[in-house]
Amino acid sequence: MNKKEVKRLAEKYLETTIDIYGFSKYQYSSPYIVIEDSPYDDADDKSMTGEYIHDDNELVIYWKNVRDEVELARTIIHEYQHYLQSPKWMTRYYNMGYTYNNHPYEIQANVEENKNWRKVCK
């Protein structure tokens, strides 16, 4: 998929995701889609497909790492969960010793992407 196609589908998939989950009580608007080539230079995982940046209310998609429409839909759902979640608790869980693999918010985001990607990617 090229950058233009990823942007078009990301916006479409975000609309459907909003319809499914509603809006966050931690932000004043839905997240902005930002399409970037690849993760930042000091990222731990250079293969990540997206991330949610709470301070900017941005759902960032690293389009060069997105293999197909299913992966894009799953990424949108996953990162949208972080938009819905408490940013204070996101940090608090990490400070309590949780890692990415056992963090309750990451587990929830994975469950939701597994459960609903077909509804978004249609």
PDB file of N, CA and C in Angstrom:
ATOM      1  N   MET A   1       0.839  -1.180   0.000  1.00  0.00           N
ATOM      2  CA  MET A   1       0.000   0.000   0.000  1.00  0.00           C
ATOM      3  C   MET A   1       0.885   1.245   0.000  1.00  0.00           C
ATOM      4  N   ASN A   2       0.456   2.242  -0.724  1.00  0.00           N
ATOM      5  CA  ASN A   2       1.222   3.483  -0.734  1.00  0.00           C
ATOM      6  C   ASN A   2       0.697   4.436   0.345  1.00  0.00           C
ATOM      7  N   LYS A   3       1.408   5.520   0.559  1.00  0.00           N
ATOM      8  CA  LYS A   3       1.082   6.464   1.622  1.00  0.00           C
ATOM      9  C   LYS A   3      -0.323   7.034   1.463  1.00  0.00           C
ATOM     10  N   LYS A   4      -0.695   7.367   0.249  1.00  0.00           N
ATOM     11  CA  LYS A   4      -2.010   7.950  -0.011  1.00  0.00           C
ATOM     12  C   LYS A   4      -3.128   6.961   0.333  1.00  0.00           C
ATOM     13  N   GLU A   5      -2.942   5.707  -0.031  1.00  0.00           N
ATOM     14  CA  GLU A   5      -3.940   4.676   0.262  1.00  0.00           C
ATOM     15  C   GLU A   5      -4.033   4.424   1.767  1.00  0.00           C
ATOM     16  N   VAL A   6      -2.902   4.396   2.453  1.00  0.00           N
ATOM     17  CA  VAL A   6      -2.905   4.207   3.903  1.00  0.00           C
ATOM     18  C   VAL A   6      -3.657   5.356   4.574  1.00  0.00           C
ATOM     19  N   LYS A   7      -3.420   6.582   4.145  1.00  0.00           N
ATOM     20  CA  LYS A   7      -4.106   7.736   4.726  1.00  0.00           C
ATOM     21  C   LYS A   7      -5.610   7.649   4.503  1.00  0.00           C
ATOM     22  N   ARG A   8      -6.015   7.321   3.283  1.00  0.00           N
ATOM     23  CA  ARG A   8      -7.444   7.221   2.963  1.00  0.00           C
ATOM     24  C   ARG A   8      -8.122   6.151   3.823  1.00  0.00           C
ATOM     25  N   LEU A   9      -7.504   4.972   3.885  1.00  0.00           N
ATOM     26  CA  LEU A   9      -8.090   3.883   4.661  1.00  0.00           C
ATOM     27  C   LEU A   9      -8.037   4.168   6.155  1.00  0.00           C
ATOM     28  N   ALA A  10      -6.969   4.788   6.633  1.00  0.00           N
ATOM     29  CA  ALA A  10      -6.860   5.109   8.056  1.00  0.00           C
ATOM     30  C   ALA A  10      -7.999   6.035   8.482  1.00  0.00           C
ATOM     31  N   GLU A  11      -8.306   7.024   7.682  1.00  0.00           N
ATOM     32  CA  GLU A  11      -9.404   7.934   8.006  1.00  0.00           C
ATOM     33  C   GLU A  11     -10.747   7.209   7.996  1.00  0.00           C
ATOM     34  N   LYS A  12     -10.943   6.339   7.030  1.00  0.00           N
ATOM     35  CA  LYS A  12     -12.170   5.538   6.955  1.00  0.00           C
ATOM     36  C   LYS A  12     -12.280   4.606   8.162  1.00  0.00           C
ATOM     37  N   TYR A  13     -11.198   3.909   8.478  1.00  0.00           N
ATOM     38  CA  TYR A  13     -11.202   2.966   9.592  1.00  0.00           C
ATOM     39  C   TYR A  13     -11.382   3.683  10.929  1.00  0.00           C
ATOM     40  N   LEU A  14     -10.828   4.887  11.052  1.00  0.00           N
ATOM     41  CA  LEU A  14     -11.002   5.651  12.282  1.00  0.00           C
ATOM     42  C   LEU A  14     -12.472   6.002  12.484  1.00  0.00           C
ATOM     43  N   GLU A  15     -13.156   6.406  11.422  1.00  0.00           N
ATOM     44  CA  GLU A  15     -14.590   6.727  11.533  1.00  0.00           C
ATOM     45  C   GLU A  15     -15.382   5.535  12.047  1.00  0.00           C
ATOM     46  N   THR A  16     -15.116   4.368  11.498  1.00  0.00           N
ATOM     47  CA  THR A  16     -15.811   3.158  11.933  1.00  0.00           C
ATOM     48  C   THR A  16     -15.459   2.825  13.376  1.00  0.00           C
ATOM     49  N   THR A  17     -14.207   2.998  13.739  1.00  0.00           N
ATOM     50  CA  THR A  17     -13.761   2.726  15.110  1.00  0.00           C
ATOM     51  C   THR A  17     -14.452   3.665  16.095  1.00  0.00           C
ATOM     52  N   ILE A  18     -14.599   4.925  15.740  1.00  0.00           N
ATOM     53  CA  ILE A  18     -15.316   5.882  16.583  1.00  0.00           C
ATOM     54  C   ILE A  18     -16.758   5.445  16.754  1.00  0.00           C
ATOM     55  N   ASP A  19     -17.386   4.970  15.680  1.00  0.00           N
ATOM     56  CA  ASP A  19     -18.770   4.486  15.763  1.00  0.00           C
ATOM     57  C   ASP A  19     -18.891   3.325  16.743  1.00  0.00           C
ATOM     58  N   ILE A  20     -17.897   2.465  16.776  1.00  0.00           N
ATOM     59  CA  ILE A  20     -17.930   1.292  17.662  1.00  0.00           C
ATOM     60  C   ILE A  20     -17.685   1.685  19.118  1.00  0.00           C
ATOM     61  N   TYR A  21     -16.691   2.526  19.373  1.00  0.00           N
ATOM     62  CA  TYR A  21     -16.223   2.782  20.740  1.00  0.00           C
ATOM     63  C   TYR A  21     -16.628   4.121  21.339  1.00  0.00           C
ATOM     64  N   GLY A  22     -17.028   5.082  20.532  1.00  0.00           N
ATOM     65  CA  GLY A  22     -17.361   6.398  21.068  1.00  0.00           C
ATOM     66  C   GLY A  22     -16.118   7.239  21.309  1.00  0.00           C
ATOM     67  N   PHE A  23     -16.273   8.276  22.128  1.00  0.00           N
ATOM     68  CA  PHE A  23     -15.215   9.246  22.356  1.00  0.00           C
ATOM     69  C   PHE A  23     -14.603   9.102  23.745  1.00  0.00           C
ATOM     70  N   SER A  24     -13.378   9.554  23.870  1.00  0.00           N
ATOM     71  CA  SER A  24     -12.639   9.499  25.124  1.00  0.00           C
ATOM     72  C   SER A  24     -13.106  10.572  26.092  1.00  0.00           C
ATOM     73  N   LYS A  25     -13.101  10.243  27.364  1.00  0.00           N
ATOM     74  CA  LYS A  25     -13.371  11.259  28.383  1.00  0.00           C
ATOM     75  C   LYS A  25     -12.097  12.001  28.777  1.00  0.00           C
ATOM     76  N   TYR A  26     -10.970  11.628  28.157  1.00  0.00           N
ATOM     77  CA  TYR A  26      -9.679  12.246  28.470  1.00  0.00           C
ATOM     78  C   TYR A  26      -9.229  13.242  27.408  1.00  0.00           C
ATOM     79  N   GLN A  27      -9.998  13.396  26.338  1.00  0.00           N
ATOM     80  CA  GLN A  27      -9.666  14.333  25.257  1.00  0.00           C
ATOM     81  C   GLN A  27     -10.912  15.119  24.862  1.00  0.00           C
ATOM     82  N   TYR A  28     -10.718  16.231  24.189  1.00  0.00           N
ATOM     83  CA  TYR A  28     -11.829  17.078  23.777  1.00  0.00           C
ATOM     84  C   TYR A  28     -12.327  16.772  22.367  1.00  0.00           C
ATOM     85  N   SER A  29     -11.565  15.966  21.624  1.00  0.00           N
ATOM     86  CA  SER A  29     -11.968  15.619  20.262  1.00  0.00           C
ATOM     87  C   SER A  29     -11.426  14.235  19.927  1.00  0.00           C
ATOM     88  N   SER A  30     -11.852  13.722  18.802  1.00  0.00           N
ATOM     89  CA  SER A  30     -11.296  12.454  18.338  1.00  0.00           C
ATOM     90  C   SER A  30      -9.831  12.680  17.961  1.00  0.00           C
ATOM     91  N   PRO A  31      -9.038  11.615  17.923  1.00  0.00           N
ATOM     92  CA  PRO A  31      -7.614  11.807  17.616  1.00  0.00           C
ATOM     93  C   PRO A  31      -7.396  12.200  16.161  1.00  0.00           C
ATOM     94  N   TYR A  32      -6.323  12.895  15.943  1.00  0.00           N
ATOM     95  CA  TYR A  32      -5.911  13.274  14.593  1.00  0.00           C
ATOM     96  C   TYR A  32      -5.054  12.146  14.024  1.00  0.00           C
ATOM     97  N   ILE A  33      -5.304  11.806  12.780  1.00  0.00           N
ATOM     98  CA  ILE A  33      -4.477  10.809  12.099  1.00  0.00           C
ATOM     99  C   ILE A  33      -3.241  11.515  11.555  1.00  0.00           C
ATOM    100  N   VAL A  34      -2.080  10.975  11.867  1.00  0.00           N
ATOM    101  CA  VAL A  34      -0.816  11.482  11.344  1.00  0.00           C
ATOM    102  C   VAL A  34      -0.118  10.314  10.657  1.00  0.00           C
ATOM    103  N   ILE A  35       0.271  10.507   9.418  1.00  0.00           N
ATOM    104  CA  ILE A  35       0.940   9.462   8.649  1.00  0.00           C
ATOM    105  C   ILE A  35       2.424   9.795   8.580  1.00  0.00           C
ATOM    106  N   GLU A  36       3.244   8.902   9.130  1.00  0.00           N
ATOM    107  CA  GLU A  36       4.696   9.073   9.126  1.00  0.00           C
ATOM    108  C   GLU A  36       5.328   7.910   8.365  1.00  0.00           C
ATOM    109  N   ASP A  37       6.534   8.147   7.849  1.00  0.00           N
ATOM    110  CA  ASP A  37       7.230   7.084   7.117  1.00  0.00           C
ATOM    111  C   ASP A  37       7.612   5.926   8.024  1.00  0.00           C
ATOM    112  N   SER A  38       8.258   6.239   9.138  1.00  0.00           N
ATOM    113  CA  SER A  38       8.755   5.187  10.024  1.00  0.00           C
ATOM    114  C   SER A  38       8.913   5.745  11.429  1.00  0.00           C
ATOM    115  N   PRO A  39       9.056   4.856  12.430  1.00  0.00           N
ATOM    116  CA  PRO A  39       9.215   5.322  13.806  1.00  0.00           C
ATOM    117  C   PRO A  39      10.442   6.202  13.976  1.00  0.00           C
ATOM    118  N   TYR A  40      10.424   6.995  15.012  1.00  0.00           N
ATOM    119  CA  TYR A  40      11.518   7.911  15.321  1.00  0.00           C
ATOM    120  C   TYR A  40      12.817   7.141  15.540  1.00  0.00           C
ATOM    121  N   ASP A  41      13.923   7.823  15.411  1.00  0.00           N
ATOM    122  CA  ASP A  41      15.249   7.202  15.437  1.00  0.00           C
ATOM    123  C   ASP A  41      15.544   6.386  16.693  1.00  0.00           C
ATOM    124  N   ASP A  42      15.084   6.847  17.849  1.00  0.00           N
ATOM    125  CA  ASP A  42      15.403   6.131  19.090  1.00  0.00           C
ATOM    126  C   ASP A  42      14.268   5.216  19.564  1.00  0.00           C
ATOM    127  N   ALA A  43      13.352   4.860  18.670  1.00  0.00           N
ATOM    128  CA  ALA A  43      12.255   3.954  19.030  1.00  0.00           C
ATOM    129  C   ALA A  43      12.797   2.573  19.369  1.00  0.00           C
ATOM    130  N   ASP A  44      12.222   1.968  20.392  1.00  0.00           N
ATOM    131  CA  ASP A  44      12.631   0.615  20.778  1.00  0.00           C
ATOM    132  C   ASP A  44      12.273  -0.412  19.710  1.00  0.00           C
ATOM    133  N   ASP A  45      11.146  -0.197  19.046  1.00  0.00           N
ATOM    134  CA  ASP A  45      10.664  -1.147  18.048  1.00  0.00           C
ATOM    135  C   ASP A  45      10.533  -0.442  16.697  1.00  0.00           C
ATOM    136  N   LYS A  46      11.499  -0.658  15.835  1.00  0.00           N
ATOM    137  CA  LYS A  46      11.497  -0.005  14.517  1.00  0.00           C
ATOM    138  C   LYS A  46      10.423  -0.566  13.579  1.00  0.00           C
ATOM    139  N   SER A  47       9.812  -1.701  13.963  1.00  0.00           N
ATOM    140  CA  SER A  47       8.802  -2.316  13.098  1.00  0.00           C
ATOM    141  C   SER A  47       7.373  -1.954  13.518  1.00  0.00           C
ATOM    142  N   MET A  48       7.225  -1.088  14.528  1.00  0.00           N
ATOM    143  CA  MET A  48       5.868  -0.764  14.980  1.00  0.00           C
ATOM    144  C   MET A  48       5.090  -0.068  13.870  1.00  0.00           C
ATOM    145  N   THR A  49       3.785  -0.326  13.867  1.00  0.00           N
ATOM    146  CA  THR A  49       2.922   0.214  12.820  1.00  0.00           C
ATOM    147  C   THR A  49       2.188   1.474  13.255  1.00  0.00           C
ATOM    148  N   GLY A  50       2.152   1.736  14.554  1.00  0.00           N
ATOM    149  CA  GLY A  50       1.471   2.933  15.016  1.00  0.00           C
ATOM    150  C   GLY A  50       1.681   3.178  16.493  1.00  0.00           C
ATOM    151  N   GLU A  51       1.226   4.348  16.925  1.00  0.00           N
ATOM    152  CA  GLU A  51       1.234   4.690  18.338  1.00  0.00           C
ATOM    153  C   GLU A  51       0.265   5.838  18.562  1.00  0.00           C
ATOM    154  N   TYR A  52      -0.190   5.950  19.800  1.00  0.00           N
ATOM    155  CA  TYR A  52      -1.048   7.065  20.174  1.00  0.00           C
ATOM    156  C   TYR A  52      -0.246   7.999  21.063  1.00  0.00           C
ATOM    157  N   ILE A  53      -0.252   9.279  20.731  1.00  0.00           N
ATOM    158  CA  ILE A  53       0.464  10.286  21.511  1.00  0.00           C
ATOM    159  C   ILE A  53      -0.573  11.169  22.201  1.00  0.00           C
ATOM    160  N   HIS A  54      -0.750  10.919  23.485  1.00  0.00           N
ATOM    161  CA  HIS A  54      -1.803  11.594  24.250  1.00  0.00           C
ATOM    162  C   HIS A  54      -1.646  13.111  24.252  1.00  0.00           C
ATOM    163  N   ASP A  55      -0.439  13.611  24.497  1.00  0.00           N
ATOM    164  CA  ASP A  55      -0.238  15.053  24.619  1.00  0.00           C
ATOM    165  C   ASP A  55      -0.663  15.824  23.373  1.00  0.00           C
ATOM    166  N   ASP A  56      -0.540  15.196  22.210  1.00  0.00           N
ATOM    167  CA  ASP A  56      -0.920  15.839  20.949  1.00  0.00           C
ATOM    168  C   ASP A  56      -2.242  15.313  20.397  1.00  0.00           C
ATOM    169  N   ASN A  57      -2.830  14.323  21.082  1.00  0.00           N
ATOM    170  CA  ASN A  57      -4.043  13.650  20.623  1.00  0.00           C
ATOM    171  C   ASN A  57      -3.885  13.174  19.174  1.00  0.00           C
ATOM    172  N   GLU A  58      -2.762  12.510  18.923  1.00  0.00           N
ATOM    173  CA  GLU A  58      -2.436  12.019  17.580  1.00  0.00           C
ATOM    174  C   GLU A  58      -2.381  10.495  17.548  1.00  0.00           C
ATOM    175  N   LEU A  59      -3.016   9.945  16.568  1.00  0.00           N
ATOM    176  CA  LEU A  59      -2.896   8.533  16.277  1.00  0.00           C
ATOM    177  C   LEU A  59      -1.952   8.449  15.079  1.00  0.00           C
ATOM    178  N   VAL A  60      -0.728   8.033  15.347  1.00  0.00           N
ATOM    179  CA  VAL A  60       0.325   8.032  14.333  1.00  0.00           C
ATOM    180  C   VAL A  60       0.376   6.663  13.673  1.00  0.00           C
ATOM    181  N   ILE A  61       0.384   6.662  12.343  1.00  0.00           N
ATOM    182  CA  ILE A  61       0.519   5.436  11.564  1.00  0.00           C
ATOM    183  C   ILE A  61       1.855   5.499  10.830  1.00  0.00           C
ATOM    184  N   TYR A  62       2.675   4.459  11.008  1.00  0.00           N
ATOM    185  CA  TYR A  62       3.950   4.354  10.301  1.00  0.00           C
ATOM    186  C   TYR A  62       3.694   3.518   9.050  1.00  0.00           C
ATOM    187  N   TRP A  63       3.320   4.211   7.989  1.00  0.00           N
ATOM    188  CA  TRP A  63       2.758   3.570   6.808  1.00  0.00           C
ATOM    189  C   TRP A  63       3.701   2.573   6.140  1.00  0.00           C
ATOM    190  N   LYS A  64       4.987   2.803   6.182  1.00  0.00           N
ATOM    191  CA  LYS A  64       5.927   1.878   5.538  1.00  0.00           C
ATOM    192  C   LYS A  64       5.975   0.523   6.248  1.00  0.00           C
ATOM    193  N   ASN A  65       5.537   0.472   7.508  1.00  0.00           N
ATOM    194  CA  ASN A  65       5.528  -0.778   8.261  1.00  0.00           C
ATOM    195  C   ASN A  65       4.185  -1.517   8.174  1.00  0.00           C
ATOM    196  N   VAL A  66       3.185  -0.886   7.573  1.00  0.00           N
ATOM    197  CA  VAL A  66       1.859  -1.500   7.457  1.00  0.00           C
ATOM    198  C   VAL A  66       1.827  -2.385   6.210  1.00  0.00           C
ATOM    199  N   ARG A  67       1.638  -3.679   6.430  1.00  0.00           N
ATOM    200  CA  ARG A  67       1.679  -4.631   5.312  1.00  0.00           C
ATOM    201  C   ARG A  67       0.389  -4.686   4.507  1.00  0.00           C
ATOM    202  N   ASP A  68      -0.758  -4.537   5.192  1.00  0.00           N
ATOM    203  CA  ASP A  68      -2.022  -4.705   4.481  1.00  0.00           C
ATOM    204  C   ASP A  68      -3.160  -4.029   5.241  1.00  0.00           C
ATOM    205  N   GLU A  69      -4.353  -4.130   4.683  1.00  0.00           N
ATOM    206  CA  GLU A  69      -5.525  -3.465   5.256  1.00  0.00           C
ATOM    207  C   GLU A  69      -5.887  -4.014   6.631  1.00  0.00           C
ATOM    208  N   VAL A  70      -5.714  -5.303   6.824  1.00  0.00           N
ATOM    209  CA  VAL A  70      -6.033  -5.910   8.116  1.00  0.00           C
ATOM    210  C   VAL A  70      -5.110  -5.354   9.199  1.00  0.00           C
ATOM    211  N   GLU A  71      -3.828  -5.286   8.907  1.00  0.00           N
ATOM    212  CA  GLU A  71      -2.889  -4.751   9.882  1.00  0.00           C
ATOM    213  C   GLU A  71      -3.194  -3.283  10.189  1.00  0.00           C
ATOM    214  N   LEU A  72      -3.601  -2.528   9.201  1.00  0.00           N
ATOM    215  CA  LEU A  72      -3.963  -1.128   9.412  1.00  0.00           C
ATOM    216  C   LEU A  72      -5.192  -1.035  10.312  1.00  0.00           C
ATOM    217  N   ALA A  73      -6.208  -1.833  10.052  1.00  0.00           N
ATOM    218  CA  ALA A  73      -7.420  -1.822  10.879  1.00  0.00           C
ATOM    219  C   ALA A  73      -7.086  -2.189  12.321  1.00  0.00           C
ATOM    220  N   ARG A  74      -6.273  -3.214  12.495  1.00  0.00           N
ATOM    221  CA  ARG A  74      -5.884  -3.647  13.838  1.00  0.00           C
ATOM    222  C   ARG A  74      -5.095  -2.538  14.559  1.00  0.00           C
ATOM    223  N   THR A  75      -4.234  -1.853  13.833  1.00  0.00           N
ATOM    224  CA  THR A  75      -3.448  -0.766  14.415  1.00  0.00           C
ATOM    225  C   THR A  75      -4.347   0.381  14.855  1.00  0.00           C
ATOM    226  N   ILE A  76      -5.292   0.752  14.018  1.00  0.00           N
ATOM    227  CA  ILE A  76      -6.219   1.840  14.364  1.00  0.00           C
ATOM    228  C   ILE A  76      -6.992   1.486  15.631  1.00  0.00           C
ATOM    229  N   ILE A  77      -7.533   0.280  15.691  1.00  0.00           N
ATOM    230  CA  ILE A  77      -8.293  -0.141  16.875  1.00  0.00           C
ATOM    231  C   ILE A  77      -7.400  -0.140  18.109  1.00  0.00           C
ATOM    232  N   HIS A  78      -6.223  -0.716  17.985  1.00  0.00           N
ATOM    233  CA  HIS A  78      -5.296  -0.813  19.119  1.00  0.00           C
ATOM    234  C   HIS A  78      -4.956   0.570  19.665  1.00  0.00           C
ATOM    235  N   GLU A  79      -4.540   1.456  18.791  1.00  0.00           N
ATOM    236  CA  GLU A  79      -4.134   2.787  19.243  1.00  0.00           C
ATOM    237  C   GLU A  79      -5.325   3.600  19.725  1.00  0.00           C
ATOM    238  N   TYR A  80      -6.488   3.352  19.162  1.00  0.00           N
ATOM    239  CA  TYR A  80      -7.688   4.053  19.618  1.00  0.00           C
ATOM    240  C   TYR A  80      -8.021   3.674  21.061  1.00  0.00           C
ATOM    241  N   GLN A  81      -7.709   2.445  21.443  1.00  0.00           N
ATOM    242  CA  GLN A  81      -7.917   2.045  22.829  1.00  0.00           C
ATOM    243  C   GLN A  81      -7.096   2.925  23.763  1.00  0.00           C
ATOM    244  N   HIS A  82      -5.885   3.263  23.351  1.00  0.00           N
ATOM    245  CA  HIS A  82      -5.037   4.124  24.178  1.00  0.00           C
ATOM    246  C   HIS A  82      -5.614   5.536  24.266  1.00  0.00           C
ATOM    247  N   TYR A  83      -6.248   5.985  23.196  1.00  0.00           N
ATOM    248  CA  TYR A  83      -6.960   7.266  23.226  1.00  0.00           C
ATOM    249  C   TYR A  83      -8.081   7.227  24.268  1.00  0.00           C
ATOM    250  N   LEU A  84      -8.730   6.087  24.413  1.00  0.00           N
ATOM    251  CA  LEU A  84      -9.835   5.944  25.360  1.00  0.00           C
ATOM    252  C   LEU A  84      -9.368   5.763  26.806  1.00  0.00           C
ATOM    253  N   GLN A  85      -8.147   5.334  26.990  1.00  0.00           N
ATOM    254  CA  GLN A  85      -7.636   4.979  28.314  1.00  0.00           C
ATOM    255  C   GLN A  85      -7.040   6.178  29.042  1.00  0.00           C
ATOM    256  N   SER A  86      -6.975   6.046  30.360  1.00  0.00           N
ATOM    257  CA  SER A  86      -6.407   7.100  31.202  1.00  0.00           C
ATOM    258  C   SER A  86      -4.898   7.209  30.990  1.00  0.00           C
ATOM    259  N   PRO A  87      -4.402   8.368  30.578  1.00  0.00           N
ATOM    260  CA  PRO A  87      -2.956   8.519  30.408  1.00  0.00           C
ATOM    261  C   PRO A  87      -2.203   8.408  31.738  1.00  0.00           C
ATOM    262  N   LYS A  88      -2.827   8.819  32.822  1.00  0.00           N
ATOM    263  CA  LYS A  88      -2.172   8.706  34.131  1.00  0.00           C
ATOM    264  C   LYS A  88      -1.982   7.239  34.512  1.00  0.00           C
ATOM    265  N   TRP A  89      -3.001   6.426  34.249  1.00  0.00           N
ATOM    266  CA  TRP A  89      -2.881   5.012  34.577  1.00  0.00           C
ATOM    267  C   TRP A  89      -1.944   4.287  33.627  1.00  0.00           C
ATOM    268  N   MET A  90      -1.856   4.750  32.395  1.00  0.00           N
ATOM    269  CA  MET A  90      -0.885   4.159  31.463  1.00  0.00           C
ATOM    270  C   MET A  90       0.513   4.251  32.078  1.00  0.00           C
ATOM    271  N   THR A  91       0.862   5.430  32.532  1.00  0.00           N
ATOM    272  CA  THR A  91       2.169   5.654  33.156  1.00  0.00           C
ATOM    273  C   THR A  91       2.268   4.929  34.497  1.00  0.00           C
ATOM    274  N   ARG A  92       1.218   5.005  35.279  1.00  0.00           N
ATOM    275  CA  ARG A  92       1.223   4.384  36.606  1.00  0.00           C
ATOM    276  C   ARG A  92       1.506   2.879  36.518  1.00  0.00           C
ATOM    277  N   TYR A  93       0.860   2.201  35.554  1.00  0.00           N
ATOM    278  CA  TYR A  93       1.102   0.758  35.393  1.00  0.00           C
ATOM    279  C   TYR A  93       2.579   0.477  35.076  1.00  0.00           C
ATOM    280  N   TYR A  94       3.158   1.280  34.181  1.00  0.00           N
ATOM    281  CA  TYR A  94       4.586   1.088  33.871  1.00  0.00           C
ATOM    282  C   TYR A  94       5.440   1.336  35.119  1.00  0.00           C
ATOM    283  N   ASN A  95       5.100   2.355  35.888  1.00  0.00           N
ATOM    284  CA  ASN A  95       5.847   2.646  37.112  1.00  0.00           C
ATOM    285  C   ASN A  95       5.706   1.536  38.160  1.00  0.00           C
ATOM    286  N   MET A  96       4.613   0.780  38.076  1.00  0.00           N
ATOM    287  CA  MET A  96       4.387  -0.340  38.994  1.00  0.00           C
ATOM    288  C   MET A  96       5.178  -1.581  38.573  1.00  0.00           C
ATOM    289  N   GLY A  97       5.828  -1.521  37.405  1.00  0.00           N
ATOM    290  CA  GLY A  97       6.657  -2.638  36.971  1.00  0.00           C
ATOM    291  C   GLY A  97       6.114  -3.437  35.802  1.00  0.00           C
ATOM    292  N   TYR A  98       4.949  -3.064  35.311  1.00  0.00           N
ATOM    293  CA  TYR A  98       4.423  -3.756  34.134  1.00  0.00           C
ATOM    294  C   TYR A  98       5.286  -3.427  32.922  1.00  0.00           C
ATOM    295  N   THR A  99       5.354  -4.370  31.999  1.00  0.00           N
ATOM    296  CA  THR A  99       6.057  -4.162  30.730  1.00  0.00           C
ATOM    297  C   THR A  99       5.023  -4.110  29.622  1.00  0.00           C
ATOM    298  N   TYR A 100       5.472  -3.839  28.412  1.00  0.00           N
ATOM    299  CA  TYR A 100       4.545  -3.801  27.285  1.00  0.00           C
ATOM    300  C   TYR A 100       3.747  -5.101  27.184  1.00  0.00           C
ATOM    301  N   ASN A 101       4.389  -6.220  27.411  1.00  0.00           N
ATOM    302  CA  ASN A 101       3.734  -7.518  27.222  1.00  0.00           C
ATOM    303  C   ASN A 101       2.708  -7.870  28.288  1.00  0.00           C
ATOM    304  N   ASN A 102       2.794  -7.281  29.486  1.00  0.00           N
ATOM    305  CA  ASN A 102       1.808  -7.619  30.510  1.00  0.00           C
ATOM    306  C   ASN A 102       1.044  -6.397  31.043  1.00  0.00           C
ATOM    307  N   HIS A 103       1.223  -5.264  30.405  1.00  0.00           N
ATOM    308  CA  HIS A 103       0.532  -4.033  30.789  1.00  0.00           C
ATOM    309  C   HIS A 103      -0.971  -4.217  30.551  1.00  0.00           C
ATOM    310  N   PRO A 104      -1.817  -3.970  31.554  1.00  0.00           N
ATOM    311  CA  PRO A 104      -3.256  -4.175  31.384  1.00  0.00           C
ATOM    312  C   PRO A 104      -3.861  -3.414  30.204  1.00  0.00           C
ATOM    313  N   TYR A 105      -3.393  -2.204  29.929  1.00  0.00           N
ATOM    314  CA  TYR A 105      -3.926  -1.442  28.805  1.00  0.00           C
ATOM    315  C   TYR A 105      -3.512  -2.049  27.461  1.00  0.00           C
ATOM    316  N   GLU A 106      -2.311  -2.576  27.379  1.00  0.00           N
ATOM    317  CA  GLU A 106      -1.878  -3.226  26.135  1.00  0.00           C
ATOM    318  C   GLU A 106      -2.661  -4.520  25.903  1.00  0.00           C
ATOM    319  N   ILE A 107      -2.884  -5.253  26.980  1.00  0.00           N
ATOM    320  CA  ILE A 107      -3.668  -6.488  26.866  1.00  0.00           C
ATOM    321  C   ILE A 107      -5.073  -6.158  26.375  1.00  0.00           C
ATOM    322  N   GLN A 108      -5.691  -5.130  26.953  1.00  0.00           N
ATOM    323  CA  GLN A 108      -7.029  -4.717  26.526  1.00  0.00           C
ATOM    324  C   GLN A 108      -7.038  -4.288  25.058  1.00  0.00           C
ATOM    325  N   ALA A 109      -6.042  -3.525  24.650  1.00  0.00           N
ATOM    326  CA  ALA A 109      -5.960  -3.069  23.261  1.00  0.00           C
ATOM    327  C   ALA A 109      -5.821  -4.255  22.308  1.00  0.00           C
ATOM    328  N   ASN A 110      -5.038  -5.255  22.701  1.00  0.00           N
ATOM    329  CA  ASN A 110      -4.885  -6.455  21.869  1.00  0.00           C
ATOM    330  C   ASN A 110      -6.190  -7.231  21.769  1.00  0.00           C
ATOM    331  N   VAL A 111      -6.911  -7.344  22.869  1.00  0.00           N
ATOM    332  CA  VAL A 111      -8.207  -8.036  22.854  1.00  0.00           C
ATOM    333  C   VAL A 111      -9.166  -7.338  21.895  1.00  0.00           C
ATOM    334  N   GLU A 112      -9.242  -6.029  21.978  1.00  0.00           N
ATOM    335  CA  GLU A 112     -10.175  -5.272  21.132  1.00  0.00           C
ATOM    336  C   GLU A 112      -9.814  -5.369  19.653  1.00  0.00           C
ATOM    337  N   GLU A 113      -8.533  -5.294  19.329  1.00  0.00           N
ATOM    338  CA  GLU A 113      -8.155  -5.386  17.913  1.00  0.00           C
ATOM    339  C   GLU A 113      -8.469  -6.775  17.379  1.00  0.00           C
ATOM    340  N   ASN A 114      -8.258  -7.819  18.184  1.00  0.00           N
ATOM    341  CA  ASN A 114      -8.589  -9.176  17.761  1.00  0.00           C
ATOM    342  C   ASN A 114     -10.087  -9.363  17.587  1.00  0.00           C
ATOM    343  N   LYS A 115     -10.865  -8.712  18.442  1.00  0.00           N
ATOM    344  CA  LYS A 115     -12.314  -8.873  18.438  1.00  0.00           C
ATOM    345  C   LYS A 115     -12.997  -8.105  17.300  1.00  0.00           C
ATOM    346  N   ASN A 116     -12.490  -6.939  16.954  1.00  0.00           N
ATOM    347  CA  ASN A 116     -13.256  -6.043  16.080  1.00  0.00           C
ATOM    348  C   ASN A 116     -12.621  -5.665  14.755  1.00  0.00           C
ATOM    349  N   TRP A 117     -11.463  -6.186  14.390  1.00  0.00           N
ATOM    350  CA  TRP A 117     -10.827  -5.740  13.157  1.00  0.00           C
ATOM    351  C   TRP A 117     -11.704  -6.020  11.932  1.00  0.00           C
ATOM    352  N   ARG A 118     -12.476  -7.108  11.960  1.00  0.00           N
ATOM    353  CA  ARG A 118     -13.338  -7.428  10.802  1.00  0.00           C
ATOM    354  C   ARG A 118     -14.451  -6.390  10.628  1.00  0.00           C
ATOM    355  N   LYS A 119     -14.945  -5.822  11.726  1.00  0.00           N
ATOM    356  CA  LYS A 119     -15.972  -4.788  11.643  1.00  0.00           C
ATOM    357  C   LYS A 119     -15.421  -3.497  11.029  1.00  0.00           C
ATOM    358  N   VAL A 120     -14.150  -3.233  11.276  1.00  0.00           N
ATOM    359  CA  VAL A 120     -13.520  -2.005  10.790  1.00  0.00           C
ATOM    360  C   VAL A 120     -13.018  -2.173   9.360  1.00  0.00           C
ATOM    361  N   CYS A 121     -12.481  -3.329   9.057  1.00  0.00           N
ATOM    362  CA  CYS A 121     -11.867  -3.607   7.754  1.00  0.00           C
ATOM    363  C   CYS A 121     -12.887  -4.301   6.854  1.00  0.00           C
ATOM    364  N   LYS A 122     -13.850  -3.532   6.385  1.00  0.00           N
ATOM    365  CA  LYS A 122     -14.871  -4.118   5.503  1.00  0.00           C
ATOM    366  C   LYS A 122     -15.073  -3.286   4.279  1.00  0.00           C
TER     367      LYS A 122
END
